[in-house]
Amino acid sequence: MTSKALVAASTKPLVVAILMSGENYGYKIIQSVRRLSGGRLEWSEPMLYPLLKRLERDGLIQSEWKLTENKRFRRYFRLTEKGRKEQEQETAEWAMVNEILVKVLDPALMPGI
């Protein structure tokens, strides 16, 4: 099971990265995370929706209620320009962290540690 601290640290970048490919709604975001993680990350609606509200309050995403084919309303979320810029910066930061972890975890890449 993944630690709560790691899940908490990764929720925002994962949601924003998923929204980079286009607008999406909460349940589908949860399914995307489950699929992408091979079932190793299990998110719930009570965990996701406060994050979505915070991202919207911070101006990183916008939401819109839309009528679905089965005549029900669903709230769709999409990135703002500010959200896209922040995602680019966070992608670079996570890539740096990943690069360091790969080196630290593979002694052959980090002689002298």
N, C-alpha and C. Protein backbone atom coordinates (compact mmCIF):
# COMPACT_ATOMS: atom_id res chain seq x y z
N MET A 1 0.84 -1.18 0.00
CA MET A 1 0.00 0.00 0.00
C MET A 1 0.89 1.24 0.00
N THR A 2 0.50 2.23 -0.77
CA THR A 2 1.25 3.46 -0.90
C THR A 2 1.02 4.34 0.33
N SER A 3 2.07 4.97 0.82
CA SER A 3 1.95 5.81 2.01
C SER A 3 1.03 6.99 1.75
N LYS A 4 0.37 7.44 2.81
CA LYS A 4 -0.53 8.58 2.69
C LYS A 4 0.22 9.83 2.28
N ALA A 5 1.44 9.98 2.76
CA ALA A 5 2.24 11.17 2.42
C ALA A 5 2.56 11.21 0.93
N LEU A 6 2.90 10.06 0.36
CA LEU A 6 3.21 10.01 -1.07
C LEU A 6 1.96 10.25 -1.91
N VAL A 7 0.85 9.68 -1.50
CA VAL A 7 -0.41 9.91 -2.20
C VAL A 7 -0.77 11.39 -2.15
N ALA A 8 -0.65 11.99 -0.97
CA ALA A 8 -0.98 13.41 -0.81
C ALA A 8 -0.08 14.28 -1.69
N ALA A 9 1.19 13.95 -1.75
CA ALA A 9 2.13 14.76 -2.55
C ALA A 9 1.88 14.61 -4.05
N SER A 10 1.32 13.49 -4.46
CA SER A 10 1.18 13.24 -5.89
C SER A 10 -0.21 13.55 -6.44
N THR A 11 -1.19 13.85 -5.61
CA THR A 11 -2.55 14.04 -6.11
C THR A 11 -2.66 15.23 -7.05
N LYS A 12 -2.14 16.37 -6.65
CA LYS A 12 -2.26 17.56 -7.50
C LYS A 12 -1.57 17.36 -8.85
N PRO A 13 -0.30 16.94 -8.88
CA PRO A 13 0.34 16.76 -10.19
C PRO A 13 -0.34 15.70 -11.06
N LEU A 14 -0.88 14.66 -10.44
CA LEU A 14 -1.56 13.63 -11.23
C LEU A 14 -2.85 14.16 -11.84
N VAL A 15 -3.64 14.87 -11.05
CA VAL A 15 -4.90 15.42 -11.56
C VAL A 15 -4.62 16.43 -12.67
N VAL A 16 -3.68 17.32 -12.44
CA VAL A 16 -3.37 18.34 -13.45
C VAL A 16 -2.82 17.68 -14.72
N ALA A 17 -2.01 16.65 -14.57
CA ALA A 17 -1.47 15.95 -15.74
C ALA A 17 -2.60 15.26 -16.52
N ILE A 18 -3.54 14.66 -15.83
CA ILE A 18 -4.68 14.02 -16.50
C ILE A 18 -5.49 15.07 -17.26
N LEU A 19 -5.66 16.24 -16.65
CA LEU A 19 -6.44 17.30 -17.30
C LEU A 19 -5.69 17.96 -18.47
N MET A 20 -4.38 17.71 -18.58
CA MET A 20 -3.62 18.23 -19.72
C MET A 20 -4.17 17.66 -21.03
N SER A 21 -4.73 16.46 -20.98
CA SER A 21 -5.23 15.83 -22.20
C SER A 21 -6.66 16.27 -22.54
N GLY A 22 -7.26 17.09 -21.70
CA GLY A 22 -8.60 17.58 -21.99
C GLY A 22 -9.49 17.54 -20.77
N GLU A 23 -10.68 18.11 -20.92
CA GLU A 23 -11.59 18.17 -19.79
C GLU A 23 -12.01 16.78 -19.36
N ASN A 24 -12.38 16.68 -18.09
CA ASN A 24 -12.70 15.40 -17.50
C ASN A 24 -13.59 15.63 -16.30
N TYR A 25 -14.23 14.59 -15.82
CA TYR A 25 -15.07 14.68 -14.62
C TYR A 25 -14.49 13.79 -13.53
N GLY A 26 -14.93 14.04 -12.31
CA GLY A 26 -14.32 13.42 -11.14
C GLY A 26 -14.19 11.91 -11.18
N TYR A 27 -15.30 11.22 -11.43
CA TYR A 27 -15.25 9.76 -11.41
C TYR A 27 -14.29 9.22 -12.47
N LYS A 28 -14.27 9.86 -13.63
CA LYS A 28 -13.36 9.40 -14.68
C LYS A 28 -11.90 9.67 -14.31
N ILE A 29 -11.64 10.76 -13.59
CA ILE A 29 -10.29 11.02 -13.10
C ILE A 29 -9.85 9.90 -12.16
N ILE A 30 -10.75 9.52 -11.26
CA ILE A 30 -10.46 8.42 -10.31
C ILE A 30 -10.16 7.14 -11.08
N GLN A 31 -10.97 6.83 -12.09
CA GLN A 31 -10.74 5.64 -12.91
C GLN A 31 -9.40 5.72 -13.65
N SER A 32 -9.05 6.90 -14.15
CA SER A 32 -7.78 7.07 -14.86
C SER A 32 -6.61 6.80 -13.94
N VAL A 33 -6.68 7.30 -12.73
CA VAL A 33 -5.58 7.08 -11.77
C VAL A 33 -5.47 5.59 -11.46
N ARG A 34 -6.59 4.93 -11.26
CA ARG A 34 -6.58 3.50 -10.97
C ARG A 34 -5.96 2.73 -12.14
N ARG A 35 -6.38 3.07 -13.37
CA ARG A 35 -5.87 2.38 -14.56
C ARG A 35 -4.38 2.64 -14.75
N LEU A 36 -3.98 3.92 -14.66
CA LEU A 36 -2.58 4.27 -14.87
C LEU A 36 -1.65 3.66 -13.83
N SER A 37 -2.16 3.48 -12.61
CA SER A 37 -1.33 2.93 -11.53
C SER A 37 -1.44 1.41 -11.46
N GLY A 38 -2.18 0.81 -12.37
CA GLY A 38 -2.37 -0.64 -12.30
C GLY A 38 -3.10 -1.06 -11.05
N GLY A 39 -3.96 -0.18 -10.54
CA GLY A 39 -4.73 -0.48 -9.33
C GLY A 39 -4.00 -0.22 -8.03
N ARG A 40 -2.78 0.27 -8.11
CA ARG A 40 -2.01 0.50 -6.89
C ARG A 40 -2.40 1.77 -6.16
N LEU A 41 -2.99 2.73 -6.87
CA LEU A 41 -3.51 3.94 -6.24
C LEU A 41 -5.03 3.88 -6.30
N GLU A 42 -5.65 3.91 -5.15
CA GLU A 42 -7.10 3.87 -5.05
C GLU A 42 -7.57 5.18 -4.46
N TRP A 43 -8.11 6.04 -5.30
CA TRP A 43 -8.63 7.32 -4.83
C TRP A 43 -10.12 7.21 -4.62
N SER A 44 -10.63 8.08 -3.77
CA SER A 44 -12.07 8.13 -3.51
C SER A 44 -12.59 9.53 -3.84
N GLU A 45 -13.89 9.62 -4.02
CA GLU A 45 -14.49 10.93 -4.29
C GLU A 45 -14.27 11.91 -3.13
N PRO A 46 -14.42 11.47 -1.86
CA PRO A 46 -14.17 12.41 -0.75
C PRO A 46 -12.73 12.93 -0.71
N MET A 47 -11.80 12.21 -1.30
CA MET A 47 -10.42 12.68 -1.36
C MET A 47 -10.22 13.63 -2.54
N LEU A 48 -10.87 13.33 -3.68
CA LEU A 48 -10.63 14.08 -4.90
C LEU A 48 -11.34 15.44 -4.93
N TYR A 49 -12.59 15.49 -4.54
CA TYR A 49 -13.36 16.71 -4.74
C TYR A 49 -12.84 17.92 -3.96
N PRO A 50 -12.36 17.77 -2.73
CA PRO A 50 -11.75 18.95 -2.08
C PRO A 50 -10.52 19.46 -2.84
N LEU A 51 -9.75 18.55 -3.43
CA LEU A 51 -8.60 18.96 -4.24
C LEU A 51 -9.07 19.73 -5.46
N LEU A 52 -10.10 19.24 -6.14
CA LEU A 52 -10.62 19.93 -7.32
C LEU A 52 -11.12 21.33 -6.95
N LYS A 53 -11.78 21.45 -5.80
CA LYS A 53 -12.26 22.77 -5.35
C LYS A 53 -11.08 23.70 -5.09
N ARG A 54 -10.03 23.18 -4.47
CA ARG A 54 -8.84 24.00 -4.19
C ARG A 54 -8.15 24.43 -5.48
N LEU A 55 -8.03 23.51 -6.44
CA LEU A 55 -7.41 23.85 -7.71
C LEU A 55 -8.22 24.92 -8.44
N GLU A 56 -9.53 24.83 -8.33
CA GLU A 56 -10.38 25.83 -8.97
C GLU A 56 -10.24 27.18 -8.26
N ARG A 57 -10.23 27.15 -6.94
CA ARG A 57 -10.06 28.38 -6.16
C ARG A 57 -8.72 29.05 -6.47
N ASP A 58 -7.68 28.24 -6.73
CA ASP A 58 -6.35 28.77 -7.04
C ASP A 58 -6.20 29.19 -8.50
N GLY A 59 -7.26 29.00 -9.28
CA GLY A 59 -7.24 29.43 -10.68
C GLY A 59 -6.53 28.48 -11.63
N LEU A 60 -6.27 27.24 -11.19
CA LEU A 60 -5.56 26.28 -12.03
C LEU A 60 -6.51 25.50 -12.93
N ILE A 61 -7.75 25.36 -12.50
CA ILE A 61 -8.76 24.68 -13.30
C ILE A 61 -10.05 25.49 -13.27
N GLN A 62 -10.93 25.18 -14.22
CA GLN A 62 -12.27 25.74 -14.25
C GLN A 62 -13.23 24.58 -14.38
N SER A 63 -14.46 24.77 -13.91
CA SER A 63 -15.46 23.70 -14.04
C SER A 63 -16.71 24.24 -14.72
N GLU A 64 -17.44 23.30 -15.28
CA GLU A 64 -18.68 23.64 -15.97
C GLU A 64 -19.62 22.44 -15.88
N TRP A 65 -20.86 22.71 -15.53
CA TRP A 65 -21.88 21.67 -15.52
C TRP A 65 -22.39 21.47 -16.94
N LYS A 66 -22.45 20.20 -17.37
CA LYS A 66 -22.93 19.88 -18.71
C LYS A 66 -23.97 18.77 -18.62
N LEU A 67 -24.91 18.83 -19.53
CA LEU A 67 -25.93 17.80 -19.63
C LEU A 67 -25.37 16.63 -20.43
N THR A 68 -25.45 15.43 -19.85
CA THR A 68 -24.93 14.23 -20.51
C THR A 68 -25.99 13.64 -21.44
N GLU A 69 -25.60 12.64 -22.18
CA GLU A 69 -26.51 11.97 -23.12
C GLU A 69 -27.74 11.40 -22.41
N ASN A 70 -27.56 10.95 -21.16
CA ASN A 70 -28.69 10.36 -20.44
C ASN A 70 -29.44 11.42 -19.61
N LYS A 71 -29.29 12.68 -20.01
CA LYS A 71 -30.05 13.80 -19.43
C LYS A 71 -29.76 14.06 -17.95
N ARG A 72 -28.52 13.81 -17.56
CA ARG A 72 -28.07 14.12 -16.20
C ARG A 72 -26.96 15.14 -16.30
N PHE A 73 -26.86 15.97 -15.27
CA PHE A 73 -25.79 16.96 -15.26
C PHE A 73 -24.54 16.36 -14.63
N ARG A 74 -23.41 16.70 -15.23
CA ARG A 74 -22.11 16.24 -14.73
C ARG A 74 -21.17 17.44 -14.77
N ARG A 75 -20.35 17.55 -13.74
CA ARG A 75 -19.40 18.67 -13.66
C ARG A 75 -18.08 18.26 -14.31
N TYR A 76 -17.70 19.02 -15.32
CA TYR A 76 -16.46 18.78 -16.04
C TYR A 76 -15.42 19.81 -15.63
N PHE A 77 -14.18 19.36 -15.53
CA PHE A 77 -13.06 20.22 -15.13
C PHE A 77 -12.08 20.32 -16.28
N ARG A 78 -11.49 21.49 -16.43
CA ARG A 78 -10.46 21.69 -17.46
C ARG A 78 -9.40 22.64 -16.91
N LEU A 79 -8.20 22.52 -17.46
CA LEU A 79 -7.09 23.37 -17.04
C LEU A 79 -7.25 24.78 -17.58
N THR A 80 -6.79 25.73 -16.80
CA THR A 80 -6.67 27.10 -17.27
C THR A 80 -5.25 27.28 -17.80
N GLU A 81 -4.98 28.41 -18.39
CA GLU A 81 -3.62 28.70 -18.86
C GLU A 81 -2.65 28.68 -17.68
N LYS A 82 -3.08 29.24 -16.55
CA LYS A 82 -2.25 29.23 -15.34
C LYS A 82 -1.96 27.78 -14.91
N GLY A 83 -2.95 26.91 -15.01
CA GLY A 83 -2.77 25.51 -14.67
C GLY A 83 -1.79 24.82 -15.59
N ARG A 84 -1.85 25.14 -16.88
CA ARG A 84 -0.90 24.55 -17.84
C ARG A 84 0.53 24.96 -17.53
N LYS A 85 0.72 26.22 -17.21
CA LYS A 85 2.07 26.71 -16.89
C LYS A 85 2.59 26.05 -15.62
N GLU A 86 1.74 25.93 -14.62
CA GLU A 86 2.17 25.30 -13.38
C GLU A 86 2.48 23.82 -13.60
N GLN A 87 1.72 23.16 -14.46
CA GLN A 87 1.98 21.75 -14.77
C GLN A 87 3.34 21.58 -15.43
N GLU A 88 3.69 22.47 -16.33
CA GLU A 88 5.01 22.39 -16.97
C GLU A 88 6.12 22.50 -15.93
N GLN A 89 5.97 23.42 -14.99
CA GLN A 89 6.98 23.60 -13.94
C GLN A 89 7.03 22.37 -13.04
N GLU A 90 5.87 21.86 -12.63
CA GLU A 90 5.86 20.69 -11.75
C GLU A 90 6.39 19.45 -12.44
N THR A 91 6.15 19.33 -13.74
CA THR A 91 6.68 18.18 -14.49
C THR A 91 8.20 18.19 -14.43
N ALA A 92 8.79 19.35 -14.61
CA ALA A 92 10.25 19.47 -14.53
C ALA A 92 10.75 19.12 -13.13
N GLU A 93 10.03 19.58 -12.10
CA GLU A 93 10.44 19.29 -10.72
C GLU A 93 10.34 17.80 -10.41
N TRP A 94 9.23 17.15 -10.81
CA TRP A 94 9.08 15.72 -10.57
C TRP A 94 10.11 14.92 -11.36
N ALA A 95 10.45 15.36 -12.56
CA ALA A 95 11.47 14.68 -13.35
C ALA A 95 12.82 14.74 -12.64
N MET A 96 13.13 15.89 -12.04
CA MET A 96 14.38 16.02 -11.29
C MET A 96 14.39 15.08 -10.08
N VAL A 97 13.28 15.05 -9.34
CA VAL A 97 13.19 14.16 -8.17
C VAL A 97 13.34 12.71 -8.62
N ASN A 98 12.67 12.34 -9.69
CA ASN A 98 12.76 10.97 -10.21
C ASN A 98 14.20 10.63 -10.59
N GLU A 99 14.88 11.55 -11.28
CA GLU A 99 16.26 11.32 -11.68
C GLU A 99 17.16 11.08 -10.47
N ILE A 100 16.97 11.86 -9.44
CA ILE A 100 17.78 11.70 -8.22
C ILE A 100 17.47 10.37 -7.54
N LEU A 101 16.18 10.03 -7.44
CA LEU A 101 15.82 8.76 -6.81
C LEU A 101 16.38 7.57 -7.56
N VAL A 102 16.33 7.60 -8.88
CA VAL A 102 16.89 6.51 -9.67
C VAL A 102 18.37 6.34 -9.37
N LYS A 103 19.08 7.46 -9.27
CA LYS A 103 20.52 7.38 -8.98
C LYS A 103 20.77 6.86 -7.57
N VAL A 104 20.03 7.35 -6.61
CA VAL A 104 20.25 6.95 -5.22
C VAL A 104 19.89 5.48 -5.01
N LEU A 105 18.84 5.03 -5.68
CA LEU A 105 18.39 3.66 -5.49
C LEU A 105 19.19 2.64 -6.28
N ASP A 106 20.01 3.10 -7.22
CA ASP A 106 20.85 2.19 -7.99
C ASP A 106 22.32 2.52 -7.68
N PRO A 107 22.95 1.75 -6.80
CA PRO A 107 24.32 2.04 -6.39
C PRO A 107 25.30 2.13 -7.55
N ALA A 108 25.02 1.44 -8.64
CA ALA A 108 25.92 1.50 -9.78
C ALA A 108 25.97 2.90 -10.40
N LEU A 109 24.88 3.66 -10.22
CA LEU A 109 24.82 5.01 -10.77
C LEU A 109 25.37 6.06 -9.82
N MET A 110 25.56 5.69 -8.56
CA MET A 110 26.04 6.65 -7.56
C MET A 110 27.24 6.11 -6.81
N PRO A 111 28.37 5.99 -7.48
CA PRO A 111 29.55 5.50 -6.77
C PRO A 111 29.94 6.48 -5.67
N GLY A 112 30.37 5.94 -4.58
CA GLY A 112 30.85 6.78 -3.48
C GLY A 112 29.79 7.06 -2.43
N ILE A 113 28.59 6.55 -2.59
CA ILE A 113 27.58 6.75 -1.54
C ILE A 113 27.62 5.58 -0.61
